[in-house]
Amino acid sequence: MRVKVCGMTQLQQVNQLEQIGAAFAGFIFYPKSPRYVLRYMTTTDLRKENRINKVGVFVNAGMDEVLQMVDECRLHMVQLHGDETPKYCEKIADYVSVVKAFRLSDNDSIEWMIRPYQEVCDMFLFDTIGAGYGGTGKKFDWSILKDVDVGKPYFLSGGIEPGDEAAIREFEKQPSAKSLFALDINSKFETSAGVKDMAKVEHFIKTLNA
């Protein structure tokens, strides 16, 4: 199972990700986030990193800003975590792979939410709804995906933490998991905002893929 480690802020830790088996590094370009990457790393730092797939996370950012960061940091894909319209996503997707994030509550009609984005995005990401934008760290009730035909590769997010490996393997047996592309982990693997406990990350990835 592929794992994306999101909210990276420490260059030394980014350099370790490939070695411990992570497939993606997520960098948050949302200034209101405590994990806003440009507070800790420069675009030059990010551009030079070429050992891991780089995902830039944006929230309602201007199109020019997103494309500038894609170029300056040599991002491999962007994750749009705000209220971006299908037309906006389509324009970005002409330039770089797009992951559209959806923040879900128990009563949401997922198929209705994702339908307008099916033809204009490359992948989806499902997370828990919260008061603000971005990840909440709250546990995501994966059962709401049980009967959903997602129709696109997707990232599963929402409070994934050490010890969830067995539950994830059970989830993988469900029909809706046929499109599961990767897991997205963040705050439950940190010692402080943006600083990962790399031993926990490594143990999680190894246990998951044992």
Protein backbone atom coordinates (compact mmCIF):
# COMPACT_ATOMS: atom_id res chain seq x y z
CA MET A 1 0.00 0.00 0.00
CA ARG A 2 1.32 3.41 -0.96
CA VAL A 3 1.57 6.01 1.80
CA LYS A 4 1.63 9.79 1.50
CA VAL A 5 3.13 11.60 4.47
CA CYS A 6 1.53 15.03 4.48
CA GLY A 7 2.42 18.26 6.24
CA MET A 8 6.17 17.87 5.81
CA THR A 9 8.22 20.87 6.98
CA GLN A 10 11.68 19.45 7.77
CA LEU A 11 14.09 18.94 4.89
CA GLN A 12 16.02 16.22 6.74
CA GLN A 13 12.81 14.26 7.28
CA VAL A 14 11.77 14.67 3.64
CA ASN A 15 15.10 13.14 2.68
CA GLN A 16 14.28 10.04 4.77
CA LEU A 17 10.87 9.30 3.27
CA GLU A 18 11.89 7.20 0.28
CA GLN A 19 14.25 5.15 2.42
CA ILE A 20 11.49 4.17 4.86
CA GLY A 21 9.06 3.24 2.09
CA ALA A 22 6.82 6.30 1.69
CA ALA A 23 5.61 7.01 -1.84
CA PHE A 24 4.58 10.68 -1.53
CA ALA A 25 5.49 13.76 0.47
CA GLY A 26 2.76 16.33 1.01
CA PHE A 27 3.65 20.02 1.32
CA ILE A 28 1.00 22.47 2.51
CA PHE A 29 0.91 25.82 0.69
CA TYR A 30 -1.87 27.27 2.85
CA PRO A 31 -0.52 30.20 4.92
CA LYS A 32 -3.06 29.69 7.72
CA SER A 33 -1.84 26.16 8.37
CA PRO A 34 0.70 25.52 11.16
CA ARG A 35 2.38 23.26 8.59
CA TYR A 36 2.71 25.97 5.93
CA VAL A 37 5.81 24.71 4.18
CA LEU A 38 7.25 28.06 3.07
CA ARG A 39 7.62 29.04 6.71
CA TYR A 40 10.23 26.29 7.05
CA MET A 41 11.61 25.51 3.59
CA THR A 42 12.38 27.53 0.47
CA THR A 43 11.15 26.80 -3.02
CA THR A 44 14.78 26.00 -3.86
CA ASP A 45 14.85 23.35 -1.11
CA LEU A 46 11.71 21.82 -2.55
CA ARG A 47 12.89 21.99 -6.14
CA LYS A 48 16.11 20.14 -5.33
CA GLU A 49 14.26 17.25 -3.66
CA ASN A 50 13.84 14.60 -6.34
CA ARG A 51 13.78 11.31 -4.45
CA ILE A 52 10.07 11.34 -3.61
CA ASN A 53 6.84 12.26 -5.38
CA LYS A 54 5.94 15.79 -4.26
CA VAL A 55 2.32 16.79 -3.68
CA GLY A 56 1.46 20.46 -3.13
CA VAL A 57 -1.64 21.04 -1.00
CA PHE A 58 -3.59 24.24 -1.77
CA VAL A 59 -6.77 25.78 -0.36
CA ASN A 60 -8.71 28.19 -2.61
CA ALA A 61 -5.48 29.54 -4.05
CA GLY A 62 -5.29 31.63 -7.20
CA MET A 63 -4.54 29.63 -10.31
CA ASP A 64 -1.39 31.61 -11.05
CA GLU A 65 -0.09 30.93 -7.53
CA VAL A 66 -0.64 27.19 -7.88
CA LEU A 67 1.05 26.97 -11.26
CA GLN A 68 3.95 29.12 -10.06
CA MET A 69 4.57 26.78 -7.13
CA VAL A 70 4.29 23.74 -9.42
CA ASP A 71 7.05 25.22 -11.57
CA GLU A 72 9.26 26.61 -8.81
CA CYS A 73 9.09 23.49 -6.63
CA ARG A 74 8.74 20.93 -9.44
CA LEU A 75 5.64 19.42 -7.87
CA HIS A 76 4.40 16.15 -9.32
CA MET A 77 0.76 16.74 -8.40
CA VAL A 78 -1.45 19.17 -6.54
CA GLN A 79 -4.11 18.43 -3.93
CA LEU A 80 -6.96 20.94 -3.89
CA HIS A 81 -8.46 21.04 -0.42
CA GLY A 82 -10.84 23.99 -0.60
CA ASP A 83 -13.98 24.92 -2.52
CA GLU A 84 -12.42 24.68 -5.96
CA THR A 85 -14.91 24.37 -8.81
CA PRO A 86 -14.76 21.64 -11.47
CA LYS A 87 -13.77 24.27 -14.05
CA TYR A 88 -10.88 25.45 -11.86
CA CYS A 89 -9.74 21.85 -11.37
CA GLU A 90 -9.92 21.20 -15.09
CA LYS A 91 -7.66 24.15 -15.87
CA ILE A 92 -5.08 23.06 -13.29
CA ALA A 93 -5.30 19.47 -14.56
CA ASP A 94 -4.25 20.67 -18.01
CA TYR A 95 -0.89 21.44 -16.42
CA VAL A 96 -0.36 18.93 -13.59
CA SER A 97 -2.10 15.94 -12.00
CA VAL A 98 -4.93 17.01 -9.67
CA VAL A 99 -6.18 15.34 -6.48
CA LYS A 100 -9.48 16.86 -5.34
CA ALA A 101 -10.12 16.51 -1.62
CA PHE A 102 -13.59 16.07 -0.18
CA ARG A 103 -14.36 16.64 3.50
CA LEU A 104 -17.13 14.24 4.39
CA SER A 105 -19.75 13.93 7.10
CA ASP A 106 -21.76 10.78 7.79
CA ASN A 107 -24.79 11.98 5.82
CA ASP A 108 -23.10 13.22 2.67
CA SER A 109 -24.00 11.74 -0.69
CA ILE A 110 -20.50 10.99 -1.86
CA GLU A 111 -21.46 10.00 -5.40
CA TRP A 112 -23.36 13.26 -5.79
CA MET A 113 -20.39 15.28 -4.48
CA ILE A 114 -17.79 13.68 -6.72
CA ARG A 115 -19.83 13.45 -9.93
CA PRO A 116 -19.01 16.96 -11.26
CA TYR A 117 -15.30 16.26 -10.75
CA GLN A 118 -15.12 12.82 -12.35
CA GLU A 119 -13.99 14.05 -15.75
CA VAL A 120 -11.72 16.89 -14.62
CA CYS A 121 -9.56 15.41 -11.83
CA ASP A 122 -7.06 12.58 -11.78
CA MET A 123 -7.70 11.37 -8.23
CA PHE A 124 -9.79 12.07 -5.16
CA LEU A 125 -9.00 12.26 -1.45
CA PHE A 126 -11.55 11.62 1.29
CA ASP A 127 -11.14 13.28 4.69
CA THR A 128 -13.23 14.18 7.73
CA ILE A 129 -15.19 17.41 7.70
CA GLY A 130 -14.14 20.03 10.25
CA ALA A 131 -14.59 23.69 11.13
CA GLY A 132 -11.79 24.89 8.85
CA TYR A 133 -9.92 23.74 5.78
CA GLY A 134 -7.29 21.05 5.65
CA GLY A 135 -6.98 17.95 7.75
CA THR A 136 -8.71 17.79 11.11
CA GLY A 137 -6.98 14.77 12.60
CA LYS A 138 -10.47 13.43 13.35
CA LYS A 139 -11.15 9.77 12.66
CA PHE A 140 -12.83 9.16 9.33
CA ASP A 141 -15.68 6.64 9.30
CA TRP A 142 -14.54 4.58 6.34
CA SER A 143 -17.83 2.66 6.32
CA ILE A 144 -19.54 5.55 4.52
CA LEU A 145 -17.52 4.54 1.44
CA LYS A 146 -18.78 0.95 1.67
CA ASP A 147 -21.25 0.99 -1.22
CA VAL A 148 -19.73 3.85 -3.22
CA ASP A 149 -18.36 3.27 -6.69
CA VAL A 150 -15.71 5.99 -6.59
CA GLY A 151 -14.65 5.46 -10.18
CA LYS A 152 -11.26 7.12 -9.65
CA PRO A 153 -8.12 6.24 -7.73
CA TYR A 154 -8.35 7.83 -4.30
CA PHE A 155 -6.38 8.64 -1.18
CA LEU A 156 -7.89 7.65 2.16
CA SER A 157 -7.25 10.21 4.90
CA GLY A 158 -8.82 11.32 8.16
CA GLY A 159 -7.04 10.68 11.43
CA ILE A 160 -5.15 7.54 10.37
CA GLU A 161 -2.86 6.63 13.24
CA PRO A 162 -0.42 3.99 14.46
CA GLY A 163 -2.36 0.82 15.22
CA ASP A 164 -4.80 1.22 12.31
CA GLU A 165 -2.98 -1.27 10.11
CA ALA A 166 -5.33 -4.20 10.76
CA ALA A 167 -8.45 -2.07 10.21
CA ILE A 168 -6.99 -0.78 6.93
CA ARG A 169 -6.34 -4.32 5.73
CA GLU A 170 -9.98 -5.16 6.51
CA PHE A 171 -11.13 -2.07 4.61
CA GLU A 172 -9.11 -3.22 1.61
CA LYS A 173 -11.40 -6.27 1.31
CA GLN A 174 -14.44 -4.09 0.58
CA PRO A 175 -15.56 -3.49 -3.03
CA SER A 176 -15.13 0.27 -2.60
CA ALA A 177 -11.44 -0.28 -1.87
CA LYS A 178 -10.78 -1.47 -5.42
CA SER A 179 -9.97 2.16 -6.29
CA LEU A 180 -7.95 2.83 -3.12
CA PHE A 181 -4.66 4.26 -4.37
CA ALA A 182 -2.86 5.39 -1.21
CA LEU A 183 -3.19 6.34 2.43
CA ASP A 184 -2.64 9.90 3.63
CA ILE A 185 -1.13 10.29 7.10
CA ASN A 186 -0.25 13.44 9.01
CA SER A 187 -0.89 14.69 12.53
CA LYS A 188 -1.15 11.33 14.31
CA PHE A 189 2.49 10.69 13.42
CA GLU A 190 3.89 13.95 14.78
CA THR A 191 5.78 15.13 17.83
CA SER A 192 4.68 18.70 17.03
CA ALA A 193 3.00 20.39 14.06
CA GLY A 194 5.01 19.56 10.96
CA VAL A 195 7.61 17.46 12.79
CA LYS A 196 7.12 13.75 12.21
CA ASP A 197 8.01 10.85 14.44
CA MET A 198 9.85 9.05 11.67
CA ALA A 199 10.15 5.82 13.65
CA LYS A 200 6.35 5.66 13.90
CA VAL A 201 5.98 6.41 10.20
CA GLU A 202 8.46 3.69 9.27
CA HIS A 203 6.85 1.13 11.59
CA PHE A 204 3.40 1.91 10.18
CA ILE A 205 4.52 1.47 6.57
CA LYS A 206 6.41 -1.75 7.27
CA THR A 207 3.55 -3.25 9.29
CA LEU A 208 1.02 -2.28 6.65
CA ASN A 209 3.01 -3.96 3.91
CA ALA A 210 4.25 -6.97 5.86
